[in-house]
Amino acid sequence: MYLAGIKIDFMNKFIKIVLLLIVGVSITSCHHSTSDDYAINDYGAQWKIDSVAIDTFLDTHHITVDTDYNVVFDTITTTNPLQSIRQQTQYPLGDTLIVQGGINYHVPFLKLREGTQDRPTGLDSAYVSYKGLTLYRKQFDASPNPVWFKLDEVITGWGAMLPNFKTGTYNVPTGNNPVTYSNFGAGVIFLPSALAYYNASVGSVGAYSPMIFTFKLCALRYRDQDRDGVLTKDERDFASNTNPLTQWSLHPADYDSDGDGISNYLDNDDDGDHTLTKVENTAFTNSITNKVIYYPYNGNKLAVMMSVLGSYTYTWTVPNGATNPGNVSSFISTVPGIYSVQVTNNATGCTTVSNALDMPATTELKVDEISSTCDNSAKLSFIIAPGMPSCGSTTVPATFYDPNRLRKYLDPNCQ
């Protein structure tokens, strides 16, 4: 089971608790209250108490899951000697690491089914049916029909844990039949109180109560909080993790590309050049990863991107009047005309030849993608970006999975 590492700002978490005191008992909008009788416990000490309580529940209870992924818990006794949640193997017990306030919370969960469609970040909107229980199996909240809520506006545990799952398939209803979903993600999460309501009482549930939530993730809406035309899910530091199998664990809040103290998903000028991101970026979908990536188009940059790792030899064909750059993966030219490139995989000898692309004198971005004829895993992306101020080039083969900034990737010194 993959261990996801997620960092969450302590102050954000504290603010969320204050907001929850005002607006909610249920995950979305339940009413609850607090009492001045409760002093705030030390978070580290409370985590030790909660983790023991959760572990005890996992060792003393049995889980039954029906065909629609509804869950029932039973207590194990000498007269009812069932297999514990920890011992059962049909739904292996996973563990997600959530770092909050300097404390490492290892949160257990059961992945009843991962889902088959889209995976949310902790900042998107989810359409979920759920049930909330205490460790005493007392139900305090439920929504058997799916409801929408924003994952960054509810208890911390939801935004941190739901990215372990994917959505399902929308089934078009017929006649008066209700909407249904199939292949949805379904799971059980066991949250310590610090990732739930901590010292707040929730209805009849007391303060410092660990909580269990069973849920079905039916659908989601990807958000764009800063309205820069780049979805929040794409404003993550993919360069720090190029493995498409684990990139999902990256959190948008951890990515600040220009170091101005504002995460990209909230920053409408991601590179700090005093030009809005929404007027700098053009979207292009990589055919291998099916990810939408963005290229600034204000530069005289020609670039080749190979979608597989390895070393390559580049042979350029350039128009009259342009200086041939030789064996480089990208270069800058101010000469309009037709360019093409031949790329050879040095490990396999496989050669891919790009289409001929005409670089105009205008600022129109051009992107072309060519499949290799001898290596099915290799595809060539050929990019022409007119108008960029000259700021050097790179001689290192450009291997991209999901770059947000072509210019800065090719030359980190380019301002």
Protein backbone atom coordinates (compact mmCIF):
# COMPACT_ATOMS: atom_id res chain seq x y z
CA MET A 1 0.00 0.00 0.00
CA TYR A 2 1.46 3.36 -0.95
CA LEU A 3 2.24 5.65 1.97
CA ALA A 4 1.17 9.19 1.08
CA GLY A 5 3.03 12.05 2.73
CA ILE A 6 0.89 15.20 3.03
CA LYS A 7 1.89 18.43 4.78
CA ILE A 8 -0.88 20.63 6.17
CA ASP A 9 -0.33 24.04 7.72
CA PHE A 10 -1.19 24.19 11.43
CA MET A 11 -2.73 27.65 11.27
CA ASN A 12 -4.98 26.62 8.38
CA LYS A 13 -6.13 23.70 10.46
CA PHE A 14 -6.83 25.92 13.47
CA ILE A 15 -8.83 28.33 11.33
CA LYS A 16 -10.87 25.44 9.95
CA ILE A 17 -11.77 24.32 13.48
CA VAL A 18 -12.94 27.84 14.35
CA LEU A 19 -15.06 27.91 11.19
CA LEU A 20 -16.48 24.50 12.01
CA LEU A 21 -17.49 25.79 15.43
CA ILE A 22 -19.61 28.34 13.61
CA VAL A 23 -21.07 26.41 10.72
CA GLY A 24 -21.20 22.68 10.99
CA VAL A 25 -22.02 19.27 12.63
CA SER A 26 -22.07 17.25 9.46
CA ILE A 27 -19.13 17.13 7.12
CA THR A 28 -20.74 19.85 5.10
CA SER A 29 -22.93 21.96 7.34
CA CYS A 30 -23.99 20.35 10.61
CA HIS A 31 -24.55 22.49 13.65
CA HIS A 32 -22.39 21.89 16.69
CA SER A 33 -21.11 23.80 19.66
CA THR A 34 -18.16 23.91 22.02
CA SER A 35 -17.81 24.59 25.70
CA ASP A 36 -15.29 26.72 27.55
CA ASP A 37 -15.03 23.81 30.01
CA TYR A 38 -12.57 22.11 27.64
CA ALA A 39 -8.96 23.24 27.67
CA ILE A 40 -7.06 22.44 24.49
CA ASN A 41 -5.01 19.30 25.03
CA ASP A 42 -1.46 18.95 23.81
CA TYR A 43 -1.65 17.60 20.26
CA GLY A 44 1.19 15.12 20.66
CA ALA A 45 -0.24 13.66 23.85
CA GLN A 46 -3.74 13.47 22.37
CA TRP A 47 -2.42 11.71 19.25
CA LYS A 48 -0.91 8.97 21.46
CA ILE A 49 -4.27 8.49 23.16
CA ASP A 50 -6.19 8.48 19.88
CA SER A 51 -3.79 6.09 18.13
CA VAL A 52 -4.13 3.55 20.96
CA ALA A 53 -7.93 3.82 20.79
CA ILE A 54 -7.97 3.38 16.99
CA ASP A 55 -5.56 0.43 17.15
CA THR A 56 -7.73 -1.19 19.80
CA PHE A 57 -10.79 -0.81 17.57
CA LEU A 58 -8.95 -2.40 14.63
CA ASP A 59 -7.99 -5.38 16.81
CA THR A 60 -11.35 -5.89 18.49
CA HIS A 61 -13.80 -5.40 15.63
CA HIS A 62 -14.79 -7.28 12.50
CA ILE A 63 -15.93 -5.67 9.24
CA THR A 64 -18.64 -6.89 6.88
CA VAL A 65 -19.00 -5.29 3.43
CA ASP A 66 -21.99 -5.94 1.19
CA THR A 67 -22.05 -5.91 -2.62
CA ASP A 68 -22.77 -2.16 -2.69
CA TYR A 69 -19.89 -1.45 -0.30
CA ASN A 70 -22.04 -0.69 2.72
CA VAL A 71 -20.17 -1.46 5.93
CA VAL A 72 -21.16 -3.02 9.25
CA PHE A 73 -18.82 -3.39 12.25
CA ASP A 74 -19.19 -6.17 14.83
CA THR A 75 -17.42 -6.51 18.17
CA ILE A 76 -15.24 -9.59 18.59
CA THR A 77 -16.02 -11.55 21.78
CA THR A 78 -15.28 -15.01 23.12
CA THR A 79 -18.73 -16.06 22.00
CA ASN A 80 -18.38 -14.24 18.68
CA PRO A 81 -14.75 -14.99 17.63
CA LEU A 82 -14.60 -13.13 14.32
CA GLN A 83 -11.53 -12.07 12.36
CA SER A 84 -10.35 -8.57 13.25
CA ILE A 85 -10.12 -5.68 10.83
CA ARG A 86 -6.33 -5.81 11.09
CA GLN A 87 -6.15 -9.55 10.45
CA GLN A 88 -8.52 -9.74 7.48
CA THR A 89 -6.83 -9.65 4.07
CA GLN A 90 -9.68 -8.97 1.65
CA TYR A 91 -9.31 -5.25 2.26
CA PRO A 92 -5.69 -4.72 3.40
CA LEU A 93 -5.20 -2.06 6.01
CA GLY A 94 -3.44 0.96 4.51
CA ASP A 95 -1.68 3.85 6.20
CA THR A 96 -1.43 7.49 5.13
CA LEU A 97 1.08 9.82 6.75
CA ILE A 98 -0.33 13.29 7.41
CA VAL A 99 2.12 15.85 8.80
CA GLN A 100 0.36 18.57 10.76
CA GLY A 101 1.70 20.91 13.39
CA GLY A 102 4.98 18.98 13.50
CA ILE A 103 3.24 15.71 14.34
CA ASN A 104 3.25 12.64 12.07
CA TYR A 105 -0.26 11.23 12.06
CA HIS A 106 -0.34 7.71 10.64
CA VAL A 107 -3.98 7.35 9.62
CA PRO A 108 -5.24 3.82 8.89
CA PHE A 109 -7.77 3.25 6.14
CA LEU A 110 -9.41 0.43 4.19
CA LYS A 111 -9.59 0.67 0.43
CA LEU A 112 -12.73 -1.34 -0.29
CA ARG A 113 -12.44 -0.27 -3.93
CA GLU A 114 -10.13 2.35 -5.40
CA GLY A 115 -12.46 3.59 -8.13
CA THR A 116 -11.78 3.83 -11.84
CA GLN A 117 -12.06 7.44 -13.02
CA ASP A 118 -10.64 10.68 -11.58
CA ARG A 119 -8.65 11.23 -8.40
CA PRO A 120 -9.24 14.41 -6.36
CA THR A 121 -6.66 16.58 -4.67
CA GLY A 122 -7.36 17.80 -1.17
CA LEU A 123 -8.60 21.09 -2.65
CA ASP A 124 -11.27 19.89 -5.09
CA SER A 125 -15.03 19.38 -4.72
CA ALA A 126 -16.23 15.83 -4.07
CA TYR A 127 -19.64 14.21 -4.50
CA VAL A 128 -19.79 11.67 -1.69
CA SER A 129 -22.23 9.55 0.30
CA TYR A 130 -20.96 8.77 3.78
CA LYS A 131 -21.62 7.67 7.33
CA GLY A 132 -19.85 8.96 10.45
CA LEU A 133 -19.37 6.78 13.54
CA THR A 134 -17.57 7.00 16.85
CA LEU A 135 -15.27 4.21 17.99
CA TYR A 136 -18.27 3.01 20.00
CA ARG A 137 -20.10 2.47 16.67
CA LYS A 138 -22.49 5.30 17.46
CA GLN A 139 -23.65 6.99 14.25
CA PHE A 140 -23.56 10.77 14.53
CA ASP A 141 -23.92 11.80 10.89
CA ALA A 142 -24.81 10.27 7.53
CA SER A 143 -25.79 11.09 3.99
CA PRO A 144 -26.98 7.97 2.15
CA ASN A 145 -27.42 10.08 -0.99
CA PRO A 146 -24.30 11.78 -2.35
CA VAL A 147 -23.72 15.42 -1.46
CA TRP A 148 -21.20 17.98 -2.73
CA PHE A 149 -18.60 19.56 -0.50
CA LYS A 150 -15.24 21.28 -0.96
CA LEU A 151 -12.44 19.23 0.53
CA ASP A 152 -10.52 22.27 1.82
CA GLU A 153 -13.55 23.58 3.70
CA VAL A 154 -14.31 20.51 5.82
CA ILE A 155 -12.43 18.56 8.47
CA THR A 156 -8.76 18.04 7.65
CA GLY A 157 -8.96 14.25 7.45
CA TRP A 158 -11.24 14.28 4.43
CA GLY A 159 -9.03 16.41 2.25
CA ALA A 160 -5.99 14.35 3.21
CA MET A 161 -7.52 10.89 2.81
CA LEU A 162 -9.83 11.07 -0.22
CA PRO A 163 -6.95 11.40 -2.73
CA ASN A 164 -6.30 7.72 -1.99
CA PHE A 165 -9.43 7.01 -4.06
CA LYS A 166 -10.93 7.71 -7.49
CA THR A 167 -14.44 8.51 -8.66
CA GLY A 168 -16.81 6.16 -10.44
CA THR A 169 -18.84 6.13 -13.64
CA TYR A 170 -22.00 8.17 -14.10
CA ASN A 171 -24.86 6.01 -15.33
CA VAL A 172 -27.38 7.85 -17.50
CA PRO A 173 -30.83 7.33 -15.95
CA THR A 174 -33.77 6.06 -17.95
CA GLY A 175 -37.37 7.10 -17.38
CA ASN A 176 -37.97 8.10 -13.76
CA ASN A 177 -35.08 6.04 -12.44
CA PRO A 178 -32.61 7.88 -10.20
CA VAL A 179 -29.04 8.68 -11.16
CA THR A 180 -26.61 5.94 -10.19
CA TYR A 181 -22.85 5.48 -10.17
CA SER A 182 -20.78 2.36 -10.67
CA ASN A 183 -17.13 1.52 -10.06
CA PHE A 184 -16.92 4.34 -7.51
CA GLY A 185 -14.18 4.50 -4.92
CA ALA A 186 -15.28 3.17 -1.54
CA GLY A 187 -13.40 3.16 1.72
CA VAL A 188 -13.21 3.47 5.47
CA ILE A 189 -11.00 6.02 7.22
CA PHE A 190 -10.13 6.07 10.94
CA LEU A 191 -9.40 9.67 11.93
CA PRO A 192 -7.74 10.87 15.11
CA SER A 193 -9.51 13.79 16.75
CA ALA A 194 -6.93 16.32 15.53
CA LEU A 195 -7.98 15.58 11.93
CA ALA A 196 -11.66 15.80 12.84
CA TYR A 197 -13.14 18.20 15.44
CA TYR A 198 -10.51 17.93 18.18
CA ASN A 199 -11.75 19.80 21.29
CA ALA A 200 -15.11 20.66 19.71
CA SER A 201 -18.18 18.63 20.58
CA VAL A 202 -20.22 17.50 17.58
CA GLY A 203 -23.86 17.04 18.44
CA SER A 204 -23.89 14.28 21.03
CA VAL A 205 -20.26 13.34 20.36
CA GLY A 206 -17.79 14.67 22.89
CA ALA A 207 -14.53 16.50 22.39
CA TYR A 208 -11.34 14.61 21.47
CA SER A 209 -13.28 11.84 19.78
CA PRO A 210 -11.58 9.78 17.05
CA MET A 211 -14.02 9.12 14.21
CA ILE A 212 -14.74 6.51 11.58
CA PHE A 213 -16.12 7.47 8.19
CA THR A 214 -17.32 5.03 5.55
CA PHE A 215 -17.85 6.63 2.17
CA LYS A 216 -18.39 6.26 -1.57
CA LEU A 217 -16.67 8.76 -3.87
CA CYS A 218 -19.05 9.10 -6.82
CA ALA A 219 -17.86 12.18 -8.69
CA LEU A 220 -15.73 15.31 -8.37
CA ARG A 221 -15.23 18.78 -9.78
CA TYR A 222 -11.68 19.98 -10.34
CA ARG A 223 -11.28 23.55 -9.11
CA ASP A 224 -9.24 26.57 -10.18
CA GLN A 225 -9.04 28.68 -7.04
CA ASP A 226 -6.97 31.51 -8.54
CA ARG A 227 -8.87 31.47 -11.86
CA ASP A 228 -5.69 31.50 -13.91
CA GLY A 229 -6.91 28.88 -16.36
CA VAL A 230 -4.78 26.15 -14.77
CA LEU A 231 -6.71 23.65 -12.66
CA THR A 232 -5.48 23.30 -9.09
CA LYS A 233 -4.65 19.64 -9.71
CA ASP A 234 -2.11 20.76 -12.33
CA GLU A 235 -0.49 23.35 -10.06
CA ARG A 236 1.71 20.83 -8.25
CA ASP A 237 5.45 20.28 -8.19
CA PHE A 238 5.53 17.39 -10.65
CA ALA A 239 9.25 17.96 -11.28
CA SER A 240 9.90 16.72 -7.73
CA ASN A 241 8.20 13.41 -8.50
CA THR A 242 8.14 12.16 -12.09
CA ASN A 243 6.57 8.80 -11.22
CA PRO A 244 2.99 8.87 -12.57
CA LEU A 245 2.04 6.10 -10.13
CA THR A 246 2.76 8.23 -7.07
CA GLN A 247 2.36 11.81 -8.31
CA TRP A 248 -1.20 11.84 -7.01
CA SER A 249 0.14 12.25 -3.46
CA LEU A 250 1.63 15.67 -4.27
CA HIS A 251 -0.34 18.46 -2.61
CA PRO A 252 -0.91 21.79 -4.44
CA ALA A 253 -0.36 23.72 -1.21
CA ASP A 254 3.28 22.57 -1.22
CA TYR A 255 4.16 24.18 -4.58
CA ASP A 256 5.33 27.78 -4.80
CA SER A 257 7.41 28.02 -7.98
CA ASP A 258 8.44 31.67 -7.62
CA GLY A 259 9.06 31.57 -3.86
CA ASP A 260 6.79 34.49 -3.03
CA GLY A 261 5.09 32.68 -0.16
CA ILE A 262 1.88 32.04 -2.13
CA SER A 263 1.17 28.54 -3.39
CA ASN A 264 0.69 28.41 -7.16
CA TYR A 265 -2.93 27.34 -6.85
CA LEU A 266 -3.66 30.68 -5.13
CA ASP A 267 -1.14 32.77 -7.09
CA ASN A 268 -2.34 34.39 -10.32
CA ASP A 269 1.29 35.16 -11.28
CA ASP A 270 3.06 31.85 -10.74
CA ASP A 271 6.48 32.89 -12.04
CA GLY A 272 6.58 36.36 -10.47
CA ASP A 273 7.14 38.19 -13.76
CA HIS A 274 4.25 40.64 -13.15
CA THR A 275 2.28 39.06 -15.99
CA LEU A 276 -0.85 37.09 -15.14
CA THR A 277 -0.47 33.35 -15.61
CA LYS A 278 -3.77 33.17 -17.47
CA VAL A 279 -2.37 35.24 -20.35
CA GLU A 280 0.96 33.38 -20.44
CA ASN A 281 -0.14 29.77 -20.70
CA THR A 282 -1.42 27.59 -23.51
CA ALA A 283 -2.66 24.10 -22.74
CA PHE A 284 -1.49 20.94 -24.47
CA THR A 285 -2.39 17.35 -23.59
CA ASN A 286 0.45 14.84 -23.49
CA SER A 287 -0.75 11.72 -25.30
CA ILE A 288 1.15 9.27 -23.09
CA THR A 289 0.23 10.55 -19.64
CA ASN A 290 -3.03 12.20 -20.76
CA LYS A 291 -2.09 15.15 -18.57
CA VAL A 292 -2.77 18.74 -19.53
CA ILE A 293 0.45 20.73 -19.47
CA TYR A 294 1.08 24.42 -20.03
CA TYR A 295 3.67 26.32 -22.06
CA PRO A 296 4.35 30.06 -21.92
CA TYR A 297 4.21 31.36 -25.47
CA ASN A 298 6.07 34.62 -25.06
CA GLY A 299 9.47 33.41 -26.29
CA ASN A 300 11.60 32.52 -29.34
CA LYS A 301 12.14 29.04 -27.92
CA LEU A 302 12.20 25.87 -29.99
CA ALA A 303 12.13 22.72 -27.90
CA VAL A 304 11.87 18.96 -28.23
CA MET A 305 10.35 16.92 -25.43
CA MET A 306 10.68 13.14 -25.26
CA SER A 307 8.06 11.46 -23.12
CA VAL A 308 10.31 8.64 -21.92
CA LEU A 309 13.44 8.73 -19.82
CA GLY A 310 16.83 8.22 -21.46
CA SER A 311 19.56 10.01 -23.36
CA TYR A 312 19.04 11.29 -26.89
CA THR A 313 20.93 12.74 -29.83
CA TYR A 314 19.28 15.69 -31.59
CA THR A 315 19.84 16.61 -35.24
CA TRP A 316 18.13 19.84 -36.30
CA THR A 317 17.11 21.09 -39.73
CA VAL A 318 16.78 24.89 -39.74
CA PRO A 319 15.89 27.51 -42.37
CA ASN A 320 18.42 29.68 -44.20
CA GLY A 321 19.75 32.40 -41.96
CA ALA A 322 19.29 30.43 -38.72
CA THR A 323 22.27 29.01 -36.83
CA ASN A 324 22.04 25.24 -36.46
CA PRO A 325 22.34 24.54 -32.72
CA GLY A 326 23.70 21.00 -33.10
CA ASN A 327 22.97 18.32 -30.51
CA VAL A 328 20.67 20.16 -28.10
CA SER A 329 17.12 19.50 -27.00
CA SER A 330 16.09 23.15 -27.21
CA PHE A 331 17.40 26.45 -28.46
CA ILE A 332 16.42 30.03 -29.18
CA SER A 333 16.15 31.44 -32.68
CA THR A 334 14.88 34.74 -34.00
CA VAL A 335 14.65 33.53 -37.61
CA PRO A 336 11.15 32.72 -38.87
CA GLY A 337 10.94 29.65 -41.07
CA ILE A 338 10.55 25.87 -41.14
CA TYR A 339 12.25 23.76 -38.46
CA SER A 340 12.34 20.01 -37.84
CA VAL A 341 14.42 17.64 -35.72
CA GLN A 342 15.53 14.02 -35.73
CA VAL A 343 15.85 12.45 -32.28
CA THR A 344 17.77 9.21 -31.70
CA ASN A 345 17.40 7.19 -28.51
CA ASN A 346 21.02 6.40 -27.66
CA ALA A 347 20.07 3.30 -25.69
CA THR A 348 17.95 1.62 -28.37
CA GLY A 349 19.05 3.34 -31.57
CA CYS A 350 15.43 4.20 -32.27
CA THR A 351 15.07 7.32 -34.42
CA THR A 352 12.06 9.65 -34.45
CA VAL A 353 11.66 12.44 -36.99
CA SER A 354 9.42 15.41 -36.25
CA ASN A 355 7.03 17.05 -38.64
CA ALA A 356 8.23 20.27 -40.21
CA LEU A 357 6.87 23.23 -38.24
CA ASP A 358 6.88 26.81 -39.41
CA MET A 359 7.92 29.32 -36.78
CA PRO A 360 6.20 32.61 -37.61
CA ALA A 361 7.22 36.03 -36.45
CA THR A 362 4.02 36.30 -34.39
CA THR A 363 3.36 34.99 -30.86
CA GLU A 364 1.34 31.96 -31.88
CA LEU A 365 2.37 28.85 -29.96
CA LYS A 366 2.72 25.69 -32.05
CA VAL A 367 2.89 22.18 -30.64
CA ASP A 368 3.12 18.94 -32.61
CA GLU A 369 3.36 15.40 -31.28
CA ILE A 370 4.86 12.55 -33.33
CA SER A 371 4.82 8.84 -32.55
CA SER A 372 7.99 6.83 -32.92
CA THR A 373 7.98 4.12 -35.61
CA CYS A 374 10.38 1.81 -33.75
CA ASP A 375 9.66 2.39 -30.08
CA ASN A 376 6.05 2.46 -28.97
CA SER A 377 6.96 4.04 -25.64
CA ALA A 378 8.54 7.11 -27.24
CA LYS A 379 6.66 10.10 -28.53
CA LEU A 380 8.16 13.35 -29.65
CA SER A 381 6.66 16.71 -28.71
CA PHE A 382 7.91 19.56 -30.90
CA ILE A 383 7.25 23.06 -29.56
CA ILE A 384 7.70 26.47 -31.15
CA ALA A 385 7.19 29.46 -28.85
CA PRO A 386 7.88 32.78 -30.62
CA GLY A 387 8.61 36.01 -28.79
CA MET A 388 10.47 34.81 -25.70
CA PRO A 389 13.39 37.03 -24.59
CA SER A 390 16.70 35.24 -25.06
CA CYS A 391 17.96 33.75 -21.81
CA GLY A 392 20.16 30.83 -22.79
CA SER A 393 19.47 27.23 -23.73
CA THR A 394 19.99 23.77 -22.35
CA THR A 395 22.03 20.87 -23.70
CA VAL A 396 20.36 18.33 -21.43
CA PRO A 397 17.66 16.15 -23.06
CA ALA A 398 14.29 17.43 -21.92
CA THR A 399 12.33 14.62 -20.29
CA PHE A 400 8.96 15.87 -19.10
CA TYR A 401 5.94 14.34 -17.46
CA ASP A 402 3.94 17.39 -16.41
CA PRO A 403 5.91 20.69 -16.58
CA ASN A 404 4.03 23.86 -15.75
CA ARG A 405 6.69 26.21 -17.01
CA LEU A 406 8.56 25.26 -20.19
CA ARG A 407 10.76 28.34 -20.09
CA LYS A 408 11.97 27.87 -16.52
CA TYR A 409 12.44 24.13 -16.94
CA LEU A 410 14.66 24.58 -19.97
CA ASP A 411 16.64 27.32 -18.31
CA PRO A 412 16.12 27.90 -14.55
CA ASN A 413 18.09 31.17 -14.82
CA CYS A 414 15.59 32.66 -17.25
CA GLN A 415 13.63 35.46 -15.59
